[in-house]
Amino acid sequence: MTNSPAQKSVQERTVEFMPLGCTEKIKLSVKIVQNLIAVPTRSGQTCSERDALKFIMLCSARKLNPFEGDAFLIGYDSQS
């Protein structure tokens, strides 16, 4: 089964919005959040797809720009 352009995976879909105080829109996707924004845990794990989506929607709703330090996504686990 192949994905058509209309059936993009959640990882590839982007949300575009204008953060407060900015003149240009930014784009966030699960892949961007997991690779560039989320801080990995000590064991090297990154955030789940669900957590990345929640983070994207929070940034969009509150007009936050994570690239300028308005919001952070920090992982945690029980390993020391």
Protein backbone atom coordinates (compact mmCIF):
# COMPACT_ATOMS: atom_id res chain seq x y z
CA MET A 1 0.00 0.00 0.00
CA THR A 2 1.48 3.36 -1.01
CA ASN A 3 0.68 6.71 0.49
CA SER A 4 -0.78 9.30 -1.83
CA PRO A 5 -0.07 13.00 -1.16
CA ALA A 6 -3.49 13.26 0.49
CA GLN A 7 -2.56 10.48 2.92
CA LYS A 8 0.57 11.97 4.49
CA SER A 9 1.69 10.36 7.70
CA VAL A 10 1.36 12.28 10.93
CA GLN A 11 5.16 12.66 10.97
CA GLU A 12 5.12 14.62 7.70
CA ARG A 13 2.13 16.90 8.32
CA THR A 14 3.04 20.43 9.30
CA VAL A 15 1.26 23.11 11.26
CA GLU A 16 1.98 26.65 10.16
CA PHE A 17 1.28 29.65 12.39
CA MET A 18 2.50 33.16 13.22
CA PRO A 19 4.09 33.40 16.70
CA LEU A 20 3.62 36.54 18.78
CA GLY A 21 6.11 39.25 17.91
CA CYS A 22 7.22 37.60 14.66
CA THR A 23 6.75 38.79 11.11
CA GLU A 24 7.05 35.37 9.48
CA LYS A 25 5.15 32.12 9.97
CA ILE A 26 6.90 29.05 11.31
CA LYS A 27 6.20 25.42 10.49
CA LEU A 28 6.24 22.60 13.01
CA SER A 29 5.85 18.88 12.40
CA VAL A 30 6.31 15.82 14.59
CA LYS A 31 9.58 15.10 12.82
CA ILE A 32 10.87 18.66 13.37
CA VAL A 33 9.91 18.58 17.05
CA GLN A 34 11.51 15.17 17.62
CA ASN A 35 14.73 16.00 15.75
CA LEU A 36 15.32 19.68 16.55
CA ILE A 37 13.32 20.78 19.60
CA ALA A 38 12.80 17.88 22.02
CA VAL A 39 15.62 17.32 24.48
CA PRO A 40 16.46 13.60 24.63
CA THR A 41 16.46 11.77 27.95
CA ARG A 42 19.63 10.38 29.53
CA SER A 43 18.92 7.05 27.83
CA GLY A 44 18.64 8.82 24.45
CA GLN A 45 14.87 8.51 24.06
CA THR A 46 12.98 11.34 22.41
CA CYS A 47 9.34 12.33 22.79
CA SER A 48 6.52 10.20 21.44
CA GLU A 49 4.47 11.18 18.41
CA ARG A 50 1.57 11.96 20.74
CA ASP A 51 3.66 14.27 22.95
CA ALA A 52 5.07 16.04 19.88
CA LEU A 53 1.54 16.67 18.56
CA LYS A 54 0.44 18.05 21.94
CA PHE A 55 3.48 20.34 21.95
CA ILE A 56 2.73 21.57 18.42
CA MET A 57 -0.88 22.33 19.30
CA LEU A 58 0.18 24.15 22.50
CA CYS A 59 2.63 26.32 20.54
CA SER A 60 0.02 27.03 17.87
CA ALA A 61 -2.75 27.89 20.37
CA ARG A 62 -0.56 30.16 22.47
CA LYS A 63 1.43 31.56 19.52
CA LEU A 64 4.77 30.39 20.98
CA ASN A 65 8.01 30.08 19.03
CA PRO A 66 10.09 27.15 20.33
CA PHE A 67 13.02 28.19 18.12
CA GLU A 68 13.31 31.42 20.14
CA GLY A 69 12.94 29.71 23.52
CA ASP A 70 9.26 30.44 24.12
CA ALA A 71 8.53 26.74 24.82
CA PHE A 72 10.58 23.64 25.65
CA LEU A 73 9.94 19.91 25.38
CA ILE A 74 12.16 18.09 27.85
CA GLY A 75 12.08 14.32 28.21
CA TYR A 76 12.37 12.34 31.39
CA ASP A 77 12.72 8.68 32.29
CA SER A 78 13.49 6.61 35.36
CA GLN A 79 17.05 5.70 34.38
CA SER A 80 19.86 7.46 36.24
